[in-house]
Amino acid sequence: MWSLGWINPEDYSFDCMLQMERFQIRLMLEYLEEDGCAAMAAALKGNPKVAWYFARKCPEEAGKVAELAASAPEGLSPKQVREAETKVLGGFEDFVIYTTPEQMAEKCDFIYGWNRERLYEMCGLEGKTVLDVGSGTGRLAFAAAERAAFVVASEPVDSLREFMRDEIVRKGIRNMRVCDGFCESLPFPDNSFDVVMSGHVVGDRFREEVDELTRITKPGGWLLDVPGDQHFKTGRNEELLADGWEEMAYTGSFGETTYRYRKQVNK
C-alpha cells in the first residue's frame, strides 16, 4: 500500500477513530478496497465501541458498519485484531494524523517543507479580508494573518479547529478566527472576502467547489490554490487550467515541482 509517510500506525490506538467526523467515516467506508474491508471488519469486530460510534455519528452508514462487523471471523486473537487496526490506521493516515495535529508540522512534508513566501508571491494581502478553506492546522491562515487585515480559517475537522484556536491564543493573534465549513457549502454571504485560498482541497466536487469559492469572493478579488511542497511528483491541475486559472510553478524544497494557481474573480 502506498504511504504518505506521515504516521507510524503502531503509535496510534484504534480509539483515535472515536474522533472521526461524519464525513470522514463516510469516506473511509466508501473507499475501502477488498483487503481493506477485511481489515476494517476485524477492527470493528474487536472494537465494538468504535463500531457503535461510527453507526451513530454517521447513521447513513450504520447498515454497512453492522455488516462489516458481522462479517469478521469469530474468535480473533488480540494480535489479529491489532494487525487489522494498524492496516486500517495506515490506510487512512491523513485522517489519523488529524487526531494529533500538534505533530503535523513535524510529520507532514507539505507543512515543514513549505515557505510562506510562496503565498506572499501570489497576491497582495495587506489590508485584505482573507478566507482559508480546509485550513487544517493553519499553514496558510497563520501566514496570511501576518499581513492581512483579517483572516478566517474554515475547517470541517474539530480537532484541527481546536488546534488553531489554541495557537491563536498562544501566539496572541488578534486578526484571525476559526469556523466550521465545507468547501462546497461555506457559511458566508456573497462577496465576503478579498482573497479566498486553499491548498490540497479543491477537486472532489470541482465545479461545485469552485463556484462556491467564487460566490463568496468580491469582484476583482483572488482565488488562490496553494499546495505545500512534497517529496513526490505532482502533476499539473488540468481542471484549474481549463477553468482559466493561472499556473505559478516553482521547484520546491524537495526538488520536485510545486504547482500553484490563481484566478481573479470577474463578476
Protein backbone atom coordinates (compact mmCIF):
# COMPACT_ATOMS: atom_id res chain seq x y z
CA MET A 1 0.00 0.00 0.00
CA TRP A 2 1.32 3.44 -0.98
CA SER A 3 2.01 5.64 2.04
CA LEU A 4 2.45 9.35 2.62
CA GLY A 5 4.86 8.51 5.43
CA TRP A 6 3.11 10.81 7.90
CA ILE A 7 2.48 8.29 10.68
CA ASN A 8 3.63 5.03 12.17
CA PRO A 9 0.33 3.18 12.69
CA GLU A 10 1.81 1.35 15.67
CA ASP A 11 1.94 4.67 17.52
CA TYR A 12 -1.85 5.07 17.43
CA SER A 13 -4.63 3.39 19.33
CA PHE A 14 -7.70 2.46 17.31
CA ASP A 15 -9.58 4.64 19.79
CA CYS A 16 -8.47 7.60 17.68
CA MET A 17 -11.35 6.58 15.39
CA LEU A 18 -13.64 7.98 18.08
CA GLN A 19 -12.51 11.44 16.93
CA MET A 20 -13.60 10.96 13.31
CA GLU A 21 -16.14 13.33 11.81
CA ARG A 22 -19.23 12.15 9.98
CA PHE A 23 -17.79 12.92 6.55
CA GLN A 24 -14.55 11.09 7.40
CA ILE A 25 -16.41 7.94 8.42
CA ARG A 26 -18.44 8.11 5.21
CA LEU A 27 -15.32 8.48 3.07
CA MET A 28 -13.43 5.71 4.86
CA LEU A 29 -16.26 3.25 4.34
CA GLU A 30 -16.77 4.38 0.74
CA TYR A 31 -13.14 3.94 -0.31
CA LEU A 32 -12.37 0.60 1.34
CA GLU A 33 -10.66 -1.81 -1.03
CA GLU A 34 -11.18 -5.56 -0.76
CA ASP A 35 -8.32 -6.20 1.66
CA GLY A 36 -9.24 -3.02 3.49
CA CYS A 37 -12.78 -4.30 4.01
CA ALA A 38 -11.45 -7.41 5.75
CA ALA A 39 -9.20 -5.32 7.98
CA MET A 40 -11.95 -2.83 8.82
CA ALA A 41 -14.32 -5.70 9.58
CA ALA A 42 -11.87 -7.29 12.00
CA ALA A 43 -11.00 -3.95 13.59
CA LEU A 44 -14.67 -3.08 14.14
CA LYS A 45 -15.36 -6.58 15.48
CA GLY A 46 -12.57 -6.15 18.00
CA ASN A 47 -13.62 -2.59 18.89
CA PRO A 48 -17.38 -2.56 19.43
CA LYS A 49 -17.30 0.96 20.86
CA VAL A 50 -15.82 2.24 17.58
CA ALA A 51 -18.49 0.36 15.62
CA TRP A 52 -21.13 1.92 17.90
CA TYR A 53 -19.66 5.39 17.37
CA PHE A 54 -19.42 5.02 13.58
CA ALA A 55 -23.05 3.90 13.35
CA ARG A 56 -24.34 6.79 15.42
CA LYS A 57 -22.05 9.51 14.13
CA CYS A 58 -22.77 8.52 10.53
CA PRO A 59 -26.25 6.91 10.56
CA GLU A 60 -26.45 6.65 6.77
CA GLU A 61 -23.63 4.09 7.01
CA ALA A 62 -24.96 2.20 10.07
CA GLY A 63 -26.02 -0.76 7.95
CA LYS A 64 -22.59 -1.09 6.37
CA VAL A 65 -20.90 -0.83 9.77
CA ALA A 66 -23.07 -3.64 11.14
CA GLU A 67 -22.49 -5.74 8.03
CA LEU A 68 -18.73 -5.32 8.22
CA ALA A 69 -18.52 -6.19 11.92
CA ALA A 70 -20.73 -9.25 11.40
CA SER A 71 -18.58 -10.46 8.50
CA ALA A 72 -15.40 -10.74 10.58
CA PRO A 73 -14.46 -14.20 11.87
CA GLU A 74 -15.30 -15.12 15.45
CA GLY A 75 -12.56 -15.70 17.97
CA LEU A 76 -10.00 -13.25 16.61
CA SER A 77 -6.89 -13.06 18.77
CA PRO A 78 -5.65 -9.72 20.14
CA LYS A 79 -2.73 -9.96 17.72
CA GLN A 80 -5.07 -10.44 14.74
CA VAL A 81 -7.21 -7.50 15.85
CA ARG A 82 -4.15 -5.27 16.25
CA GLU A 83 -2.87 -6.25 12.80
CA ALA A 84 -6.24 -5.26 11.35
CA GLU A 85 -6.24 -1.99 13.31
CA THR A 86 -2.80 -0.96 12.05
CA LYS A 87 -3.77 -1.78 8.47
CA VAL A 88 -6.80 0.49 8.74
CA LEU A 89 -4.84 3.23 10.50
CA GLY A 90 -2.13 3.15 7.86
CA GLY A 91 -4.67 3.17 5.06
CA PHE A 92 -6.22 6.40 6.32
CA GLU A 93 -3.12 8.10 7.65
CA ASP A 94 -4.26 11.57 6.59
CA PHE A 95 -7.38 11.29 8.76
CA VAL A 96 -5.46 9.62 11.59
CA ILE A 97 -2.80 12.30 11.88
CA TYR A 98 -5.57 14.90 12.22
CA THR A 99 -6.18 13.39 15.68
CA THR A 100 -2.68 14.58 16.68
CA PRO A 101 -2.49 17.98 14.99
CA GLU A 102 0.40 19.05 17.18
CA GLN A 103 2.57 16.53 15.29
CA MET A 104 1.65 17.63 11.77
CA ALA A 105 4.21 20.42 11.39
CA GLU A 106 6.95 17.86 12.07
CA LYS A 107 5.49 14.89 10.19
CA CYS A 108 3.77 16.36 7.09
CA ASP A 109 6.09 17.36 4.27
CA PHE A 110 3.61 19.84 2.78
CA ILE A 111 3.87 21.83 6.03
CA TYR A 112 7.50 21.58 7.11
CA GLY A 113 8.82 21.86 3.56
CA TRP A 114 6.81 24.93 2.67
CA ASN A 115 7.91 28.58 2.75
CA ARG A 116 5.23 31.22 3.41
CA GLU A 117 6.87 33.48 0.85
CA ARG A 118 5.26 31.22 -1.75
CA LEU A 119 1.89 32.57 -0.62
CA TYR A 120 3.00 36.18 -0.48
CA GLU A 121 4.20 35.98 -4.10
CA MET A 122 0.69 35.24 -5.37
CA CYS A 123 -1.15 38.44 -4.49
CA GLY A 124 -1.02 41.33 -2.06
CA LEU A 125 -2.62 40.57 1.30
CA GLU A 126 -2.13 43.90 3.06
CA GLY A 127 -5.46 45.37 4.15
CA LYS A 128 -7.40 42.39 2.79
CA THR A 129 -10.02 40.11 4.29
CA VAL A 130 -8.94 36.53 3.63
CA LEU A 131 -10.60 33.12 3.89
CA ASP A 132 -8.58 29.91 4.11
CA VAL A 133 -10.76 26.92 3.11
CA GLY A 134 -9.88 23.50 4.52
CA SER A 135 -7.34 25.20 6.72
CA GLY A 136 -6.01 22.12 8.51
CA THR A 137 -3.57 23.30 11.17
CA GLY A 138 -3.48 26.75 9.59
CA ARG A 139 -0.44 26.62 7.32
CA LEU A 140 -1.88 29.28 5.01
CA ALA A 141 -4.09 31.09 7.51
CA PHE A 142 -1.34 31.89 10.01
CA ALA A 143 0.93 33.04 7.20
CA ALA A 144 -1.82 35.31 5.83
CA ALA A 145 -2.56 36.72 9.29
CA GLU A 146 0.93 38.24 9.38
CA ARG A 147 -0.07 40.62 6.55
CA ALA A 148 -3.84 40.66 6.03
CA ALA A 149 -6.33 42.83 7.89
CA PHE A 150 -8.43 39.83 8.91
CA VAL A 151 -8.34 36.07 8.27
CA VAL A 152 -10.99 33.38 8.69
CA ALA A 153 -9.87 29.74 8.76
CA SER A 154 -12.65 27.36 7.72
CA GLU A 155 -12.07 23.71 8.68
CA PRO A 156 -14.54 20.78 8.96
CA VAL A 157 -12.45 18.69 11.41
CA ASP A 158 -12.98 19.65 15.05
CA SER A 159 -9.54 18.58 16.32
CA LEU A 160 -7.91 20.87 13.75
CA ARG A 161 -10.21 23.78 14.56
CA GLU A 162 -9.39 23.48 18.26
CA PHE A 163 -5.67 23.28 17.49
CA MET A 164 -5.85 26.53 15.53
CA ARG A 165 -7.87 28.24 18.26
CA ASP A 166 -5.25 27.23 20.83
CA GLU A 167 -2.48 28.54 18.57
CA ILE A 168 -4.29 31.87 18.13
CA VAL A 169 -4.41 32.27 21.91
CA ARG A 170 -0.85 31.07 22.42
CA LYS A 171 0.54 33.46 19.79
CA GLY A 172 -1.69 36.38 20.77
CA ILE A 173 -3.13 36.75 17.26
CA ARG A 174 -6.00 39.25 17.12
CA ASN A 175 -6.94 39.25 13.43
CA MET A 176 -7.88 35.59 12.90
CA ARG A 177 -10.94 33.47 13.66
CA VAL A 178 -11.80 29.81 13.06
CA CYS A 179 -15.08 28.30 11.90
CA ASP A 180 -16.61 25.06 10.60
CA GLY A 181 -17.39 24.67 6.91
CA PHE A 182 -17.03 22.56 3.78
CA CYS A 183 -15.55 23.83 0.53
CA GLU A 184 -18.82 23.37 -1.37
CA SER A 185 -21.03 24.92 1.33
CA LEU A 186 -19.46 27.84 3.21
CA PRO A 187 -21.34 29.88 5.84
CA PHE A 188 -20.75 33.32 4.33
CA PRO A 189 -22.75 35.81 2.23
CA ASP A 190 -21.89 36.56 -1.36
CA ASN A 191 -18.86 38.81 -1.96
CA SER A 192 -17.44 38.47 1.58
CA PHE A 193 -13.69 38.18 1.00
CA ASP A 194 -10.93 39.86 -0.98
CA VAL A 195 -8.92 36.64 -1.14
CA VAL A 196 -10.14 33.04 -0.86
CA MET A 197 -7.38 30.45 -0.71
CA SER A 198 -6.91 26.75 -0.15
CA GLY A 199 -4.31 24.03 -0.57
CA HIS A 200 -4.88 20.31 -1.16
CA VAL A 201 -8.65 20.88 -1.02
CA VAL A 202 -10.36 21.58 -4.36
CA GLY A 203 -11.09 18.62 -6.63
CA ASP A 204 -13.58 16.16 -5.18
CA ARG A 205 -16.57 18.16 -6.47
CA PHE A 206 -14.64 20.56 -8.66
CA ARG A 207 -17.39 22.67 -10.25
CA GLU A 208 -19.47 22.89 -7.10
CA GLU A 209 -16.44 23.84 -5.00
CA VAL A 210 -15.05 26.48 -7.37
CA ASP A 211 -18.49 28.02 -7.83
CA GLU A 212 -18.84 28.32 -4.05
CA LEU A 213 -15.39 29.88 -3.66
CA THR A 214 -16.25 32.33 -6.44
CA ARG A 215 -19.59 33.20 -4.82
CA ILE A 216 -18.03 34.42 -1.59
CA THR A 217 -15.16 36.31 -3.29
CA LYS A 218 -15.59 40.02 -4.01
CA PRO A 219 -15.50 41.20 -7.64
CA GLY A 220 -11.86 41.76 -8.51
CA GLY A 221 -10.74 39.51 -5.66
CA TRP A 222 -8.45 36.50 -5.93
CA LEU A 223 -8.89 32.74 -5.73
CA LEU A 224 -5.64 31.01 -4.77
CA ASP A 225 -4.70 27.33 -4.83
CA VAL A 226 -1.53 27.00 -2.74
CA PRO A 227 -0.35 23.44 -2.11
CA GLY A 228 2.68 22.75 0.02
CA ASP A 229 5.94 21.22 -1.16
CA GLN A 230 6.02 17.41 -1.18
CA HIS A 231 8.59 14.67 -1.67
CA PHE A 232 6.80 13.06 -4.61
CA LYS A 233 5.97 14.28 -8.10
CA THR A 234 2.64 16.03 -8.63
CA GLY A 235 1.15 16.87 -12.00
CA ARG A 236 -0.50 19.97 -13.34
CA ASN A 237 -4.10 20.56 -12.30
CA GLU A 238 -5.83 20.32 -15.65
CA GLU A 239 -9.23 21.21 -14.17
CA LEU A 240 -7.97 24.52 -12.82
CA LEU A 241 -6.16 25.30 -16.07
CA ALA A 242 -9.30 24.56 -18.09
CA ASP A 243 -11.23 26.85 -15.76
CA GLY A 244 -8.93 29.77 -16.56
CA TRP A 245 -6.62 29.72 -13.54
CA GLU A 246 -3.05 30.97 -13.99
CA GLU A 247 -0.30 28.48 -13.16
CA MET A 248 2.60 29.63 -10.98
CA ALA A 249 5.04 26.73 -10.69
CA TYR A 250 8.33 26.57 -8.81
CA THR A 251 10.90 24.00 -7.75
CA GLY A 252 10.02 23.04 -4.20
CA SER A 253 12.25 22.41 -1.23
CA PHE A 254 12.47 18.67 -2.01
CA GLY A 255 13.46 19.21 -5.64
CA GLU A 256 10.01 18.48 -7.11
CA THR A 257 7.83 20.95 -8.99
CA THR A 258 5.02 22.50 -6.95
CA TYR A 259 2.12 23.88 -8.97
CA ARG A 260 0.24 26.89 -7.60
CA TYR A 261 -2.74 28.55 -9.26
CA ARG A 262 -4.60 31.83 -9.05
CA LYS A 263 -7.63 33.39 -10.70
CA GLN A 264 -9.01 36.90 -10.43
CA VAL A 265 -12.76 36.95 -9.97
CA ASN A 266 -14.74 38.94 -12.52
CA LYS A 267 -18.48 39.01 -11.95
